[in-house]
Amino acid sequence: MAVQVSAQQLSMYSQYYWNDYVINPGFTGIKNAPRVQFGYRNQWSGFQGSPKTYTVGGHVGLNKQNMGLGGMIFSDDQGGAIRQNGVMLNYSYQLKLNKNSGLSFGLAGILNQYGFNGSQIQNINPDATLQANVTQLTPDLNFGVVYRLKDKLFIGLAANQLVQSRLSKFNTGNLSLSENQLIRHYNLSASYVTEINSTIEVEPFVLMRSTFTKAPQFEFGGKIQYNKLVFGGLSYRSNESVIGLLGVNYQNFMLAYSYDFTLSAIRNYSSGSHELLLAYRFKNNKATPIVEIITTPIDSDGDGVADSEDLCPNVKGLKEYKGCPDTDGDGVFDDLDECPKVVGPKENKGCPWPDSDNDGLSDNKDDCPKIAGPIENRGCPYGDTDGDGVNDNADECPKTPGPITNKGCPIIEKKDQEVIDMAVKNLEFETGKDIIEESSNSSLNSLAEKLKQKSEWNLLLSGHTDNVGDDDANMILSKNRSEAVKKFLISKGIAESRIKVNYFGETKPIADNNTPDGRQKNRRVEFVIVFE
């Protein structure tokens, strides 16, 4: 007599996102590390002979060597007579693709002990041939690769049971397993960590498992964490179950529990699956840095500054100005210098201070730079040019009448101010670019129409950024975004002479750059109405 015995070949993990280095060795040392963890899973609880899995393992990133090491000891009672025990050792190596992204390659060596204990089989008609007790050691390998971007986006591809060992001892005597060869399994995973605000973090994820002998199985869902203390999650495994997750972090410890509500026909015999994980994360929680692939850097302009670091990659420049030229040698490189061939101070964007009213005082020292006045009166006349009762030396709008209470400037009506405020509020740019989002056009069009109605209005645009990235690059971005708004308004018929542009990069924050909300507020273009 012969008997056929079959069971699932790989342990199932509903909390695979904590066991990512197990299903894909490419994750070893780069996520959720360094840590040790203990796991228990009872699949199809209440079903006699249901699978139970016990694991002890962990992994760590070795910073100086740009690699990760890990391992796990496991025992998998696959139900009834079949049991699998084993040990796994992981190794990974990281390579940098650019400033923000890299690849991690991982390999895991596994030694499995498969066992069949015939005494666990209950047969109405006892048969001595079914009482065999067989064990076999089989080596195996797993391989995986992970792409990571800013430690937020992770995409992994892995193959398990590469060797596809045959369980030859299970075909001895009267015991014969029809499926006596381990099958190669493949999995594709992706997840993205995003901060909703300073206390809430969300991580959607998806996993596909396949052997290419059956239809693939998909699992997708997400986790949410509050204040780095408590977390929960929900996911769906195709044609199998809905999975709920609850957990808590306390100091360096993490405890997580998940429950699988079974959707298949086995739910009539099972009360679902339970999974419990206890982990301890060491204080050094920085992921292993990724080593840069050694390549010959591209230097298009031949100035000794690689294009990846060159703010002016197509124009030969100086290393101290990050590859940009400074033609007049005034310490302001040409891309930011509004007078690149004339020496001028950095405070005036590389241009010499003018004396617009020719009264003998340069504009930076002249309180009335557009109206001639005596030096002893700091360049301001003692008259009242616009006849509004405010002397020019105290009149902030000396050529436009306005009340004394507003320092000689016209008062902007509430309805007009609302048009300006909406243009500021709705102004959006494509990420990292100076291209205005189409959703901003309506408010900017309204502002353009208002400027046409108010011919005495002039507009001052001031560009700002947060502190993410290079200081000089942020200065250029703030300039370009202000110029983009100016070009838009000019295209709607507003005279260029009525619009002035300032830019300050990250130098004038209005909120805390250490929070996402603060950084968003600091990325702005300010609109100020000015009068002559």
Protein backbone atom coordinates (compact mmCIF):
# COMPACT_ATOMS: atom_id res chain seq x y z
CA MET A 1 0.00 0.00 0.00
CA ALA A 2 1.20 3.57 -0.73
CA VAL A 3 0.05 6.84 0.78
CA GLN A 4 0.08 10.36 -0.64
CA VAL A 5 0.92 13.22 1.73
CA SER A 6 0.96 16.93 0.83
CA ALA A 7 1.13 20.24 2.72
CA GLN A 8 1.98 23.89 2.19
CA GLN A 9 5.71 24.13 1.51
CA LEU A 10 6.43 27.65 2.89
CA SER A 11 5.27 29.09 6.18
CA MET A 12 2.50 31.67 5.87
CA TYR A 13 3.02 35.06 7.55
CA SER A 14 0.16 37.55 7.77
CA GLN A 15 2.64 39.98 9.34
CA TYR A 16 5.07 39.49 6.48
CA TYR A 17 6.03 43.19 6.64
CA TRP A 18 7.84 42.44 9.92
CA ASN A 19 9.28 39.25 8.40
CA ASP A 20 10.30 40.91 5.12
CA TYR A 21 13.90 39.68 5.45
CA VAL A 22 12.53 36.11 5.67
CA ILE A 23 10.58 36.15 2.41
CA ASN A 24 13.16 38.42 0.68
CA PRO A 25 16.77 38.40 1.96
CA GLY A 26 17.34 41.71 0.16
CA PHE A 27 15.58 43.40 3.13
CA THR A 28 18.25 42.14 5.54
CA GLY A 29 19.62 45.09 7.50
CA ILE A 30 17.87 47.88 5.54
CA LYS A 31 14.40 47.98 7.14
CA ASN A 32 13.09 47.22 10.65
CA ALA A 33 16.66 46.68 11.85
CA PRO A 34 18.61 46.03 14.01
CA ARG A 35 16.20 43.83 15.93
CA VAL A 36 15.47 40.37 17.30
CA GLN A 37 11.97 38.93 17.22
CA PHE A 38 9.91 35.96 18.33
CA GLY A 39 6.91 34.81 16.32
CA TYR A 40 4.02 32.38 16.68
CA ARG A 41 1.26 31.55 14.19
CA ASN A 42 -1.70 29.22 14.60
CA GLN A 43 -3.29 28.78 11.19
CA TRP A 44 -6.93 27.68 10.96
CA SER A 45 -7.33 27.57 14.72
CA GLY A 46 -9.82 24.99 15.96
CA PHE A 47 -9.11 22.69 13.04
CA GLN A 48 -7.54 19.45 14.30
CA GLY A 49 -3.94 19.23 13.06
CA SER A 50 -3.89 22.87 11.94
CA PRO A 51 -0.43 24.27 11.06
CA LYS A 52 1.58 26.02 13.79
CA THR A 53 4.76 28.00 13.21
CA TYR A 54 7.37 29.13 15.78
CA THR A 55 10.23 31.47 14.85
CA VAL A 56 13.18 33.18 16.56
CA GLY A 57 15.33 35.50 14.47
CA GLY A 58 16.64 38.94 13.68
CA HIS A 59 18.88 41.00 11.45
CA VAL A 60 21.27 43.96 11.58
CA GLY A 61 22.91 46.40 9.18
CA LEU A 62 26.71 46.67 9.28
CA ASN A 63 27.34 50.32 8.38
CA LYS A 64 31.04 50.23 7.59
CA GLN A 65 30.80 47.12 5.44
CA ASN A 66 27.63 48.29 3.60
CA MET A 67 25.94 44.97 4.20
CA GLY A 68 23.41 43.24 6.41
CA LEU A 69 23.43 39.96 8.33
CA GLY A 70 20.51 38.04 9.76
CA GLY A 71 19.06 34.67 10.50
CA MET A 72 16.19 32.68 11.90
CA ILE A 73 15.48 29.36 13.61
CA PHE A 74 12.04 28.01 12.84
CA SER A 75 9.75 25.09 13.53
CA ASP A 76 6.73 24.57 11.31
CA ASP A 77 4.19 21.92 12.25
CA GLN A 78 2.48 21.76 8.87
CA GLY A 79 -0.41 19.75 10.22
CA GLY A 80 -0.71 16.20 11.41
CA ALA A 81 2.20 13.97 10.43
CA ILE A 82 4.44 16.47 8.64
CA ARG A 83 6.86 18.84 10.40
CA GLN A 84 9.63 21.11 9.16
CA ASN A 85 12.45 22.45 11.35
CA GLY A 86 15.31 24.56 10.12
CA VAL A 87 17.79 27.37 10.35
CA MET A 88 18.32 30.25 7.90
CA LEU A 89 21.31 32.62 7.55
CA ASN A 90 20.98 35.86 5.54
CA TYR A 91 23.47 38.19 3.84
CA SER A 92 22.78 41.40 1.90
CA TYR A 93 24.89 44.02 0.12
CA GLN A 94 23.78 47.56 -0.77
CA LEU A 95 24.65 49.64 -3.84
CA LYS A 96 23.83 53.31 -4.38
CA LEU A 97 22.16 54.37 -7.62
CA ASN A 98 22.01 58.11 -6.86
CA LYS A 99 21.68 60.48 -3.92
CA ASN A 100 18.31 59.14 -2.79
CA SER A 101 18.00 55.57 -4.06
CA GLY A 102 19.77 52.22 -4.09
CA LEU A 103 19.55 48.48 -4.56
CA SER A 104 20.03 45.75 -1.97
CA PHE A 105 20.92 42.21 -3.06
CA GLY A 106 20.33 39.39 -0.58
CA LEU A 107 21.06 35.68 -0.33
CA ALA A 108 19.82 33.26 2.32
CA GLY A 109 21.16 29.77 3.01
CA ILE A 110 18.70 27.36 4.62
CA LEU A 111 19.07 23.92 6.16
CA ASN A 112 15.69 22.17 6.46
CA GLN A 113 14.78 19.01 8.34
CA TYR A 114 11.57 17.50 6.99
CA GLY A 115 9.88 14.81 9.01
CA PHE A 116 6.96 12.41 8.58
CA ASN A 117 5.55 10.75 11.71
CA GLY A 118 2.99 8.13 10.76
CA SER A 119 1.84 7.69 14.35
CA GLN A 120 0.04 11.05 14.01
CA ILE A 121 -2.29 9.57 11.36
CA GLN A 122 -5.60 8.27 12.67
CA ASN A 123 -6.95 5.51 10.42
CA ILE A 124 -10.21 3.71 10.93
CA ASN A 125 -8.51 0.54 9.63
CA PRO A 126 -5.01 0.60 11.21
CA ASP A 127 -2.26 -0.21 8.75
CA ALA A 128 1.32 -0.81 9.90
CA THR A 129 2.65 0.56 6.61
CA LEU A 130 1.40 4.00 7.61
CA GLN A 131 3.42 4.04 10.84
CA ALA A 132 6.68 5.01 9.11
CA ASN A 133 8.88 7.65 10.74
CA VAL A 134 11.04 9.40 8.10
CA THR A 135 13.33 12.45 8.35
CA GLN A 136 15.49 14.14 5.70
CA LEU A 137 17.89 17.11 5.73
CA THR A 138 17.77 19.35 2.63
CA PRO A 139 19.77 22.48 1.89
CA ASP A 140 18.16 25.38 0.05
CA LEU A 141 18.71 28.98 -1.06
CA ASN A 142 16.60 32.15 -1.28
CA PHE A 143 17.56 35.19 -3.36
CA GLY A 144 16.06 38.68 -3.41
CA VAL A 145 16.64 42.23 -4.58
CA VAL A 146 15.10 45.42 -3.12
CA TYR A 147 14.89 48.91 -4.59
CA ARG A 148 14.59 51.65 -2.00
CA LEU A 149 13.92 55.38 -2.42
CA LYS A 150 14.54 57.79 0.49
CA ASP A 151 13.78 54.96 2.94
CA LYS A 152 10.09 55.48 2.11
CA LEU A 153 9.44 53.46 -1.02
CA PHE A 154 10.48 49.78 -1.04
CA ILE A 155 9.98 47.41 -4.00
CA GLY A 156 11.18 43.81 -3.65
CA LEU A 157 11.43 40.76 -5.88
CA ALA A 158 12.50 37.39 -4.48
CA ALA A 159 12.70 33.70 -5.31
CA ASN A 160 12.45 31.06 -2.55
CA GLN A 161 13.49 27.38 -2.64
CA LEU A 162 15.86 27.95 -5.54
CA VAL A 163 17.38 24.45 -5.23
CA GLN A 164 14.00 22.67 -5.57
CA SER A 165 15.28 19.72 -3.54
CA ARG A 166 13.68 16.30 -3.86
CA LEU A 167 12.51 14.55 -0.69
CA SER A 168 13.89 11.21 -1.84
CA LYS A 169 13.63 9.50 1.57
CA PHE A 170 9.89 10.01 1.50
CA ASN A 171 9.70 7.50 -1.37
CA THR A 172 11.21 4.61 0.59
CA GLY A 173 9.38 1.51 1.67
CA ASN A 174 5.61 1.76 1.55
CA LEU A 175 5.55 5.53 2.05
CA SER A 176 5.27 7.51 -1.15
CA LEU A 177 4.64 11.27 -1.48
CA SER A 178 3.33 12.24 -4.86
CA GLU A 179 4.54 15.82 -4.42
CA ASN A 180 8.02 14.99 -3.24
CA GLN A 181 9.88 17.95 -4.71
CA LEU A 182 10.10 21.44 -3.27
CA ILE A 183 8.72 24.03 -5.71
CA ARG A 184 10.31 27.38 -6.41
CA HIS A 185 8.20 30.27 -5.10
CA TYR A 186 8.34 33.92 -6.23
CA ASN A 187 7.09 37.03 -4.51
CA LEU A 188 6.83 40.69 -5.53
CA SER A 189 6.24 43.30 -2.83
CA ALA A 190 5.89 47.07 -2.58
CA SER A 191 5.25 49.53 0.25
CA TYR A 192 5.42 53.28 0.80
CA VAL A 193 5.73 55.13 4.12
CA THR A 194 4.13 58.59 4.25
CA GLU A 195 3.55 61.09 7.04
CA ILE A 196 0.02 62.50 7.21
CA ASN A 197 1.18 64.92 9.93
CA SER A 198 3.68 64.98 12.78
CA THR A 199 1.89 62.17 14.67
CA ILE A 200 0.25 59.93 12.03
CA GLU A 201 2.22 57.67 9.66
CA VAL A 202 0.59 55.48 7.00
CA GLU A 203 2.15 52.60 5.04
CA PRO A 204 0.14 50.98 2.22
CA PHE A 205 1.54 47.67 0.93
CA VAL A 206 0.96 44.94 -1.64
CA LEU A 207 2.37 41.43 -2.02
CA MET A 208 2.03 38.90 -4.85
CA ARG A 209 2.98 35.24 -4.35
CA SER A 210 3.30 32.81 -7.25
CA THR A 211 4.74 29.41 -8.21
CA PHE A 212 3.70 29.76 -11.88
CA THR A 213 1.88 26.44 -11.48
CA LYS A 214 -1.25 28.03 -10.04
CA ALA A 215 -2.94 31.41 -10.18
CA PRO A 216 -0.96 33.97 -8.18
CA GLN A 217 -2.15 35.07 -4.76
CA PHE A 218 -2.40 38.79 -3.98
CA GLU A 219 -2.40 40.52 -0.64
CA PHE A 220 -2.88 44.26 -0.23
CA GLY A 221 -3.68 46.60 2.63
CA GLY A 222 -2.06 49.14 4.89
CA LYS A 223 -0.82 49.99 8.37
CA ILE A 224 -1.34 53.22 10.31
CA GLN A 225 0.72 54.33 13.31
CA TYR A 226 -0.11 57.05 15.82
CA ASN A 227 2.60 58.97 17.67
CA LYS A 228 5.01 56.04 17.11
CA LEU A 229 3.15 54.30 19.96
CA VAL A 230 0.12 52.35 18.75
CA PHE A 231 -0.60 50.97 15.31
CA GLY A 232 -3.19 48.98 13.42
CA GLY A 233 -3.79 47.62 9.97
CA LEU A 234 -6.14 45.87 7.59
CA SER A 235 -5.40 43.72 4.53
CA TYR A 236 -7.04 41.29 2.13
CA ARG A 237 -5.55 38.02 0.85
CA SER A 238 -7.23 37.00 -2.41
CA ASN A 239 -9.77 34.17 -2.09
CA GLU A 240 -8.48 33.38 1.39
CA SER A 241 -8.96 35.89 4.22
CA VAL A 242 -9.32 39.39 5.61
CA ILE A 243 -6.61 40.25 8.14
CA GLY A 244 -6.75 42.72 11.02
CA LEU A 245 -3.69 43.99 12.93
CA LEU A 246 -3.22 45.70 16.31
CA GLY A 247 0.02 46.53 18.08
CA VAL A 248 1.92 48.77 20.45
CA ASN A 249 5.46 50.10 20.75
CA TYR A 250 6.93 50.54 24.22
CA GLN A 251 10.47 51.88 24.46
CA ASN A 252 12.47 49.43 22.32
CA PHE A 253 9.81 46.68 22.35
CA MET A 254 7.04 46.01 19.86
CA LEU A 255 4.10 43.65 20.31
CA ALA A 256 1.82 42.90 17.36
CA TYR A 257 -1.22 40.63 17.02
CA SER A 258 -3.09 39.80 13.82
CA TYR A 259 -6.20 37.77 13.14
CA ASP A 260 -7.14 36.15 9.81
CA PHE A 261 -10.87 35.93 9.18
CA THR A 262 -11.08 33.00 6.79
CA LEU A 263 -13.19 33.46 3.65
CA SER A 264 -12.69 30.03 2.05
CA ALA A 265 -14.78 26.93 2.73
CA ILE A 266 -12.49 25.93 5.60
CA ARG A 267 -14.12 28.63 7.72
CA ASN A 268 -16.84 26.10 8.51
CA TYR A 269 -14.26 24.10 10.49
CA SER A 270 -11.90 26.85 11.71
CA SER A 271 -12.19 29.92 13.93
CA GLY A 272 -9.57 31.80 11.91
CA SER A 273 -5.81 32.19 12.20
CA HIS A 274 -3.85 33.94 14.97
CA GLU A 275 -0.39 35.43 14.70
CA LEU A 276 1.69 37.03 17.46
CA LEU A 277 5.05 38.77 17.18
CA LEU A 278 7.28 40.22 19.91
CA ALA A 279 10.31 42.23 18.80
CA TYR A 280 13.12 44.19 20.43
CA ARG A 281 14.80 46.91 18.40
CA PHE A 282 18.25 48.07 19.43
CA LYS A 283 18.95 51.79 19.89
CA ASN A 284 21.04 52.06 16.73
CA ASN A 285 18.03 52.13 14.42
CA LYS A 286 19.69 53.66 11.39
CA ALA A 287 19.44 51.58 8.24
CA THR A 288 22.63 50.43 6.60
CA PRO A 289 23.90 53.19 4.30
CA ILE A 290 24.17 52.19 0.67
CA VAL A 291 27.57 52.24 -0.96
CA GLU A 292 27.96 54.14 -4.19
CA ILE A 293 28.78 52.25 -7.34
CA ILE A 294 32.22 53.40 -8.44
CA THR A 295 31.84 55.01 -11.85
CA THR A 296 33.59 57.78 -13.74
CA PRO A 297 31.56 60.95 -13.03
CA ILE A 298 30.23 62.93 -15.99
CA ASP A 299 31.54 66.49 -16.23
CA SER A 300 29.88 68.02 -19.31
CA ASP A 301 31.50 71.45 -19.03
CA GLY A 302 34.96 70.18 -17.97
CA ASP A 303 35.20 72.43 -14.91
CA GLY A 304 36.19 69.67 -12.51
CA VAL A 305 32.74 69.47 -10.92
CA ALA A 306 30.69 66.37 -11.74
CA ASP A 307 27.28 67.05 -13.30
CA SER A 308 25.57 65.43 -10.33
CA GLU A 309 27.02 68.16 -8.07
CA ASP A 310 27.23 70.98 -10.66
CA LEU A 311 24.51 73.63 -10.38
CA CYS A 312 25.54 74.89 -13.84
CA PRO A 313 26.45 71.63 -15.66
CA ASN A 314 26.61 73.18 -19.13
CA VAL A 315 28.70 76.26 -18.26
CA LYS A 316 32.28 76.06 -17.01
CA GLY A 317 32.57 77.48 -13.52
CA LEU A 318 34.38 77.39 -10.20
CA LYS A 319 34.40 74.62 -7.62
CA GLU A 320 33.72 77.05 -4.78
CA TYR A 321 30.51 78.09 -6.56
CA LYS A 322 29.46 74.47 -7.24
CA GLY A 323 30.45 74.63 -10.90
CA CYS A 324 28.92 78.02 -11.71
CA PRO A 325 30.94 80.96 -13.12
CA ASP A 326 31.47 84.35 -11.45
CA THR A 327 32.49 86.59 -14.35
CA ASP A 328 32.91 89.80 -12.35
CA GLY A 329 34.50 88.11 -9.32
CA ASP A 330 32.16 89.76 -6.83
CA GLY A 331 31.36 86.55 -4.95
CA VAL A 332 27.93 86.10 -6.55
CA PHE A 333 27.95 83.43 -9.26
CA ASP A 334 26.45 84.43 -12.58
CA ASP A 335 23.21 82.43 -12.31
CA LEU A 336 22.22 84.52 -9.26
CA ASP A 337 24.04 87.69 -10.30
CA GLU A 338 21.69 90.21 -11.92
CA CYS A 339 24.77 92.19 -13.04
CA PRO A 340 27.18 89.36 -13.95
CA LYS A 341 29.70 91.68 -15.63
CA VAL A 342 29.67 94.47 -13.00
CA VAL A 343 30.94 94.08 -9.45
CA GLY A 344 28.26 94.50 -6.82
CA PRO A 345 27.43 93.36 -3.27
CA LYS A 346 25.68 90.10 -2.59
CA GLU A 347 22.96 91.99 -0.72
CA ASN A 348 21.98 93.67 -4.02
CA LYS A 349 22.10 90.43 -6.06
CA GLY A 350 25.59 91.23 -7.42
CA CYS A 351 24.72 94.72 -8.74
CA PRO A 352 26.24 98.00 -7.56
CA TRP A 353 23.90 100.12 -5.52
CA PRO A 354 22.31 102.72 -7.85
CA ASP A 355 21.41 106.31 -7.11
CA SER A 356 18.04 106.33 -8.84
CA ASP A 357 17.21 109.94 -7.99
CA ASN A 358 20.77 111.30 -8.47
CA ASP A 359 20.80 113.07 -5.11
CA GLY A 360 24.25 111.86 -4.10
CA LEU A 361 23.06 108.98 -1.95
CA SER A 362 23.05 105.39 -3.18
CA ASP A 363 19.67 103.70 -2.92
CA ASN A 364 20.74 101.48 -0.03
CA LYS A 365 21.35 104.59 2.07
CA ASP A 366 18.56 106.72 0.58
CA ASP A 367 15.25 106.69 2.45
CA CYS A 368 13.63 108.13 -0.69
CA PRO A 369 15.54 106.38 -3.49
CA LYS A 370 13.17 107.53 -6.25
CA ILE A 371 12.84 111.19 -5.15
CA ALA A 372 15.82 113.55 -4.84
CA GLY A 373 16.37 114.99 -1.40
CA PRO A 374 19.13 116.46 0.79
CA ILE A 375 21.76 114.15 2.23
CA GLU A 376 21.07 115.50 5.71
CA ASN A 377 17.51 114.31 5.31
CA ARG A 378 18.75 110.90 4.11
CA GLY A 379 17.87 111.72 0.50
CA CYS A 380 14.23 112.65 1.08
CA PRO A 381 12.61 116.00 0.29
CA TYR A 382 10.74 117.77 3.01
CA GLY A 383 7.73 118.31 0.74
CA ASP A 384 4.52 116.39 0.15
CA THR A 385 4.64 115.31 -3.50
CA ASP A 386 1.24 113.62 -3.61
CA GLY A 387 -0.48 116.23 -1.44
CA ASP A 388 -1.92 113.71 1.00
CA GLY A 389 -0.76 115.54 4.12
CA VAL A 390 2.15 113.15 4.77
CA ASN A 391 5.63 114.59 4.16
CA ASP A 392 7.63 112.58 1.65
CA ASN A 393 10.22 111.64 4.25
CA ALA A 394 7.51 109.83 6.23
CA ASP A 395 5.32 108.85 3.26
CA GLU A 396 5.76 105.20 2.23
CA CYS A 397 3.90 105.98 -1.01
CA PRO A 398 5.09 109.54 -1.82
CA LYS A 399 3.60 109.58 -5.33
CA THR A 400 0.26 107.99 -4.46
CA PRO A 401 -2.07 109.72 -1.99
CA GLY A 402 -3.22 107.85 1.05
CA PRO A 403 -4.40 108.55 4.62
CA ILE A 404 -2.00 109.49 7.40
CA THR A 405 -3.18 106.44 9.35
CA ASN A 406 -1.72 104.19 6.62
CA LYS A 407 1.57 106.10 6.34
CA GLY A 408 0.47 107.93 3.20
CA CYS A 409 -0.43 104.77 1.23
CA PRO A 410 -3.87 103.82 -0.13
CA ILE A 411 -5.85 101.33 1.94
CA ILE A 412 -6.58 98.13 0.07
CA GLU A 413 -10.25 97.23 0.37
CA LYS A 414 -11.24 93.91 1.92
CA LYS A 415 -12.71 92.49 -1.31
CA ASP A 416 -9.50 93.38 -3.20
CA GLN A 417 -7.32 91.85 -0.48
CA GLU A 418 -9.32 88.62 -0.75
CA VAL A 419 -8.36 88.34 -4.45
CA ILE A 420 -4.67 88.65 -3.48
CA ASP A 421 -5.00 86.17 -0.60
CA MET A 422 -6.69 83.56 -2.81
CA ALA A 423 -3.91 83.84 -5.39
CA VAL A 424 -1.34 83.16 -2.64
CA LYS A 425 -3.36 80.36 -1.04
CA ASN A 426 -4.05 78.47 -4.28
CA LEU A 427 -0.57 78.85 -5.81
CA GLU A 428 0.96 75.39 -6.31
CA PHE A 429 4.03 74.23 -8.24
CA GLU A 430 5.07 70.82 -9.50
CA THR A 431 7.33 69.17 -6.91
CA GLY A 432 10.90 70.53 -7.06
CA LYS A 433 10.09 72.59 -10.19
CA ASP A 434 9.08 76.12 -11.18
CA ILE A 435 6.09 74.93 -13.24
CA ILE A 436 2.78 76.35 -11.95
CA GLU A 437 0.03 73.74 -11.43
CA GLU A 438 -3.02 74.25 -13.65
CA SER A 439 -5.22 74.42 -10.52
CA SER A 440 -3.61 77.77 -9.67
CA ASN A 441 -4.59 79.48 -12.94
CA SER A 442 -8.08 80.61 -11.92
CA SER A 443 -6.89 82.59 -8.88
CA LEU A 444 -3.97 84.08 -10.82
CA ASN A 445 -6.34 85.14 -13.62
CA SER A 446 -8.50 86.92 -11.04
CA LEU A 447 -5.44 88.71 -9.71
CA ALA A 448 -4.44 89.77 -13.24
CA GLU A 449 -7.90 91.25 -13.84
CA LYS A 450 -7.69 93.15 -10.54
CA LEU A 451 -4.27 94.56 -11.50
CA LYS A 452 -5.78 95.80 -14.77
CA GLN A 453 -8.51 97.58 -12.81
CA LYS A 454 -6.05 99.03 -10.28
CA SER A 455 -3.48 100.76 -12.47
CA GLU A 456 -1.88 102.39 -9.43
CA TRP A 457 -1.03 98.95 -8.00
CA ASN A 458 2.43 97.46 -8.41
CA LEU A 459 3.26 93.93 -7.29
CA LEU A 460 6.24 92.64 -5.28
CA LEU A 461 6.78 88.85 -5.51
CA SER A 462 9.04 87.18 -2.94
CA GLY A 463 10.04 83.52 -3.40
CA HIS A 464 10.89 81.21 -0.47
CA THR A 465 11.66 77.48 0.04
CA ASP A 466 12.05 75.05 2.92
CA ASN A 467 15.50 73.84 4.04
CA VAL A 468 15.44 70.48 2.23
CA GLY A 469 18.33 70.18 -0.24
CA ASP A 470 21.23 72.43 -1.22
CA ASP A 471 21.16 76.10 -0.09
CA ASP A 472 22.15 77.51 -3.48
CA ALA A 473 19.78 75.21 -5.35
CA ASN A 474 16.95 76.41 -3.10
CA MET A 475 17.91 80.05 -3.81
CA ILE A 476 17.68 79.38 -7.56
CA LEU A 477 14.34 77.54 -7.14
CA SER A 478 12.86 80.47 -5.16
CA LYS A 479 13.99 82.88 -7.91
CA ASN A 480 12.59 80.74 -10.73
CA ARG A 481 9.21 80.26 -9.02
CA SER A 482 8.82 84.03 -8.48
CA GLU A 483 9.81 84.63 -12.10
CA ALA A 484 7.23 82.01 -13.21
CA VAL A 485 4.42 83.97 -11.50
CA LYS A 486 5.72 87.20 -13.08
CA LYS A 487 5.73 85.63 -16.56
CA PHE A 488 2.19 84.36 -16.05
CA LEU A 489 0.87 87.82 -15.14
CA ILE A 490 2.77 89.44 -18.02
CA SER A 491 1.13 86.93 -20.38
CA LYS A 492 -2.24 88.20 -19.12
CA GLY A 493 -1.43 91.79 -20.10
CA ILE A 494 0.25 93.19 -16.98
CA ALA A 495 3.20 95.47 -17.75
CA GLU A 496 6.56 94.01 -16.71
CA SER A 497 7.51 97.33 -15.10
CA ARG A 498 4.74 96.88 -12.54
CA ILE A 499 6.11 93.59 -11.17
CA LYS A 500 9.25 93.24 -9.07
CA VAL A 501 10.80 89.91 -8.00
CA ASN A 502 12.67 89.07 -4.80
CA TYR A 503 13.94 85.64 -3.75
CA PHE A 504 15.34 84.41 -0.47
CA GLY A 505 15.66 80.61 -0.77
CA GLU A 506 15.45 79.03 2.69
CA THR A 507 16.73 82.10 4.60
CA LYS A 508 13.38 83.45 5.83
CA PRO A 509 11.22 80.60 7.19
CA ILE A 510 7.87 81.42 8.75
CA ALA A 511 7.38 77.99 10.33
CA ASP A 512 9.36 75.07 11.78
CA ASN A 513 11.25 73.19 9.03
CA ASN A 514 11.37 70.07 11.24
CA THR A 515 7.73 69.19 10.50
CA PRO A 516 6.00 68.43 7.16
CA ASP A 517 3.38 71.14 7.85
CA GLY A 518 6.09 73.69 8.64
CA ARG A 519 8.06 72.87 5.50
CA GLN A 520 4.89 73.23 3.39
CA LYS A 521 4.26 76.71 4.82
CA ASN A 522 7.85 77.74 4.09
CA ARG A 523 7.51 76.76 0.39
CA ARG A 524 5.72 79.92 -0.78
CA VAL A 525 5.64 82.96 -3.02
CA GLU A 526 4.46 86.10 -1.19
CA PHE A 527 2.41 88.79 -2.96
CA VAL A 528 2.63 92.39 -1.73
CA ILE A 529 0.90 95.38 -3.36
CA VAL A 530 3.17 98.44 -3.44
CA PHE A 531 2.58 102.01 -4.53
CA GLU A 532 4.91 104.67 -5.87
